[in-house]
Amino acid sequence: MKRILLVDMNSWIGHHCPYFLLYTKLLLELNYQVDVLCLGEDEIKFSFPQELADKKLQIRQPKLFVFQKFFLKLIKLINQLNLSFSIPSAASLGLWWFVKNAAIEADSRNETFVFLLDMQGYWVDIPLFLQKYLLPQAWAGLYIWTPPKEKFLQECESHSLINHSSLKGLCLLNERLVFELKIKFPAIAVHHFPDVSYLRCHTDEPSLVLELDKVAGDRKIVFLASLTKKHGLIHFLRVADLMSDSGILFFTMGLVRLDGYDADELDYINERLSKPPKNLLVWTDIYPPEETLNALYRRANVAFVCYPDFQHSSNKLTKAIGLETPVLVADNTLLSERVKNYQLGYAVEPTNLLEMANAINYLLYNFQFDESLRQAFIDSHSEQRLKIKLAEIIQE
């Protein structure tokens, strides 16, 4: 039986945890022996107790030198504190050693395939011969977050990793970049992976949804599931101000991260968050379990996914559409292309508050999904589609 070593030693914050659990689940469903190397051993034990007991799934804890143990403890501490973390090149090289040590602990009778769930932490320019020594097994990697297109293409061209003889697939969530990479590197197997989102909801409405219902009353709800600059917080607050008399509740929640705003913007945001007007509901420093988050998206009437200058994929779009909630997105982005192609909502210029207000009113009172297009989008970003893509790469 082929053994899969699934790796993410970069982070356990944000997308990393649900992505890792999802990929573990799909690889097990494909009947592979799955070994995992990650920062979330407790979540693995909670999510897959039977598979661990049956030894279909094993948590790898590679033998480490003292300095490696210290580095690993540091990464875990940073994740527990929910801090952002940029891995320097020297430390990134250390991550490769973690992978090698985990891989060589495998049963030599089983063929091992290594899948790096987030390539970014391993994208370090080290000599090709050293890369081959550290990772001689067949491998593929998913690049979740990429720099702007031109910078990313330059990085791919300059890094020797792209010439690794055991590389079986470079996977991206961004279909634009997949097209560009296939043209620029025809010898490399480049794949577009669907940005899947877990859609199951609680059978009974969670307490947070009941609380939201109590506050909203008969008002429509516009929902932003983040409190950061990247996710358009200030535009959300400003359009809420503009629509203060509209009978709409603007609801936002999440961990507060206000880096990147200037002093005037911070004053405005902090005032709104500390003393929200009647049409604004703010729950700070809270991020519920996935099934509760799903119930909140299902309860909302519009999902605010209007992320300015955001050229990445986002499974918040997949989540909202899967739960039948239309979306407002920023124009001239990857998300706006998907929304327009499948008629999933409305795309606006985030700084044009009047246009945004008109779009919200349209989505609340006049918009209807084309159900065939919505279903086509869901199918193209489904677990089944992702499972097929994974199997294709591993079997190549």
Foldseek 3Di string as FASTA:
>chain_A
DAEEEEEDAQACPDPNVVLSLLVVVLVVVVVHQYEYEYLCPVVVCVSPVPCVVVNSYYYFDFDDDPVLVVLSVVRSVCRVVVHDDDQDQVVLVSVLQRVQRRVVVDDPVHAYEYEYAACVSNLHADDLVVSCVSDVGQYEYEHQDADPQVVRVVSCVPHCVVVNPRYLEYEYCAPVNLVVCCVVPVPHHYYHFFPAADQAADPDQDPVVVVVCVLLPPAAEEEEAEAELQQPNLLLLVLCVVCVPVRHAYEYEDEHDYPPDDPVSVVVVVVCQVDPPSRYHYYYPDDDPRNNVSSVLLRHQEYERAGPPDAGDDCVLVSNLVSPHAYEYAPPHSVVVLCVVLVRAYHYHSVPSVVVNVRVVCSRPPDDGPVVSSVVSNVCNDSVVNSVVVVVSVVD
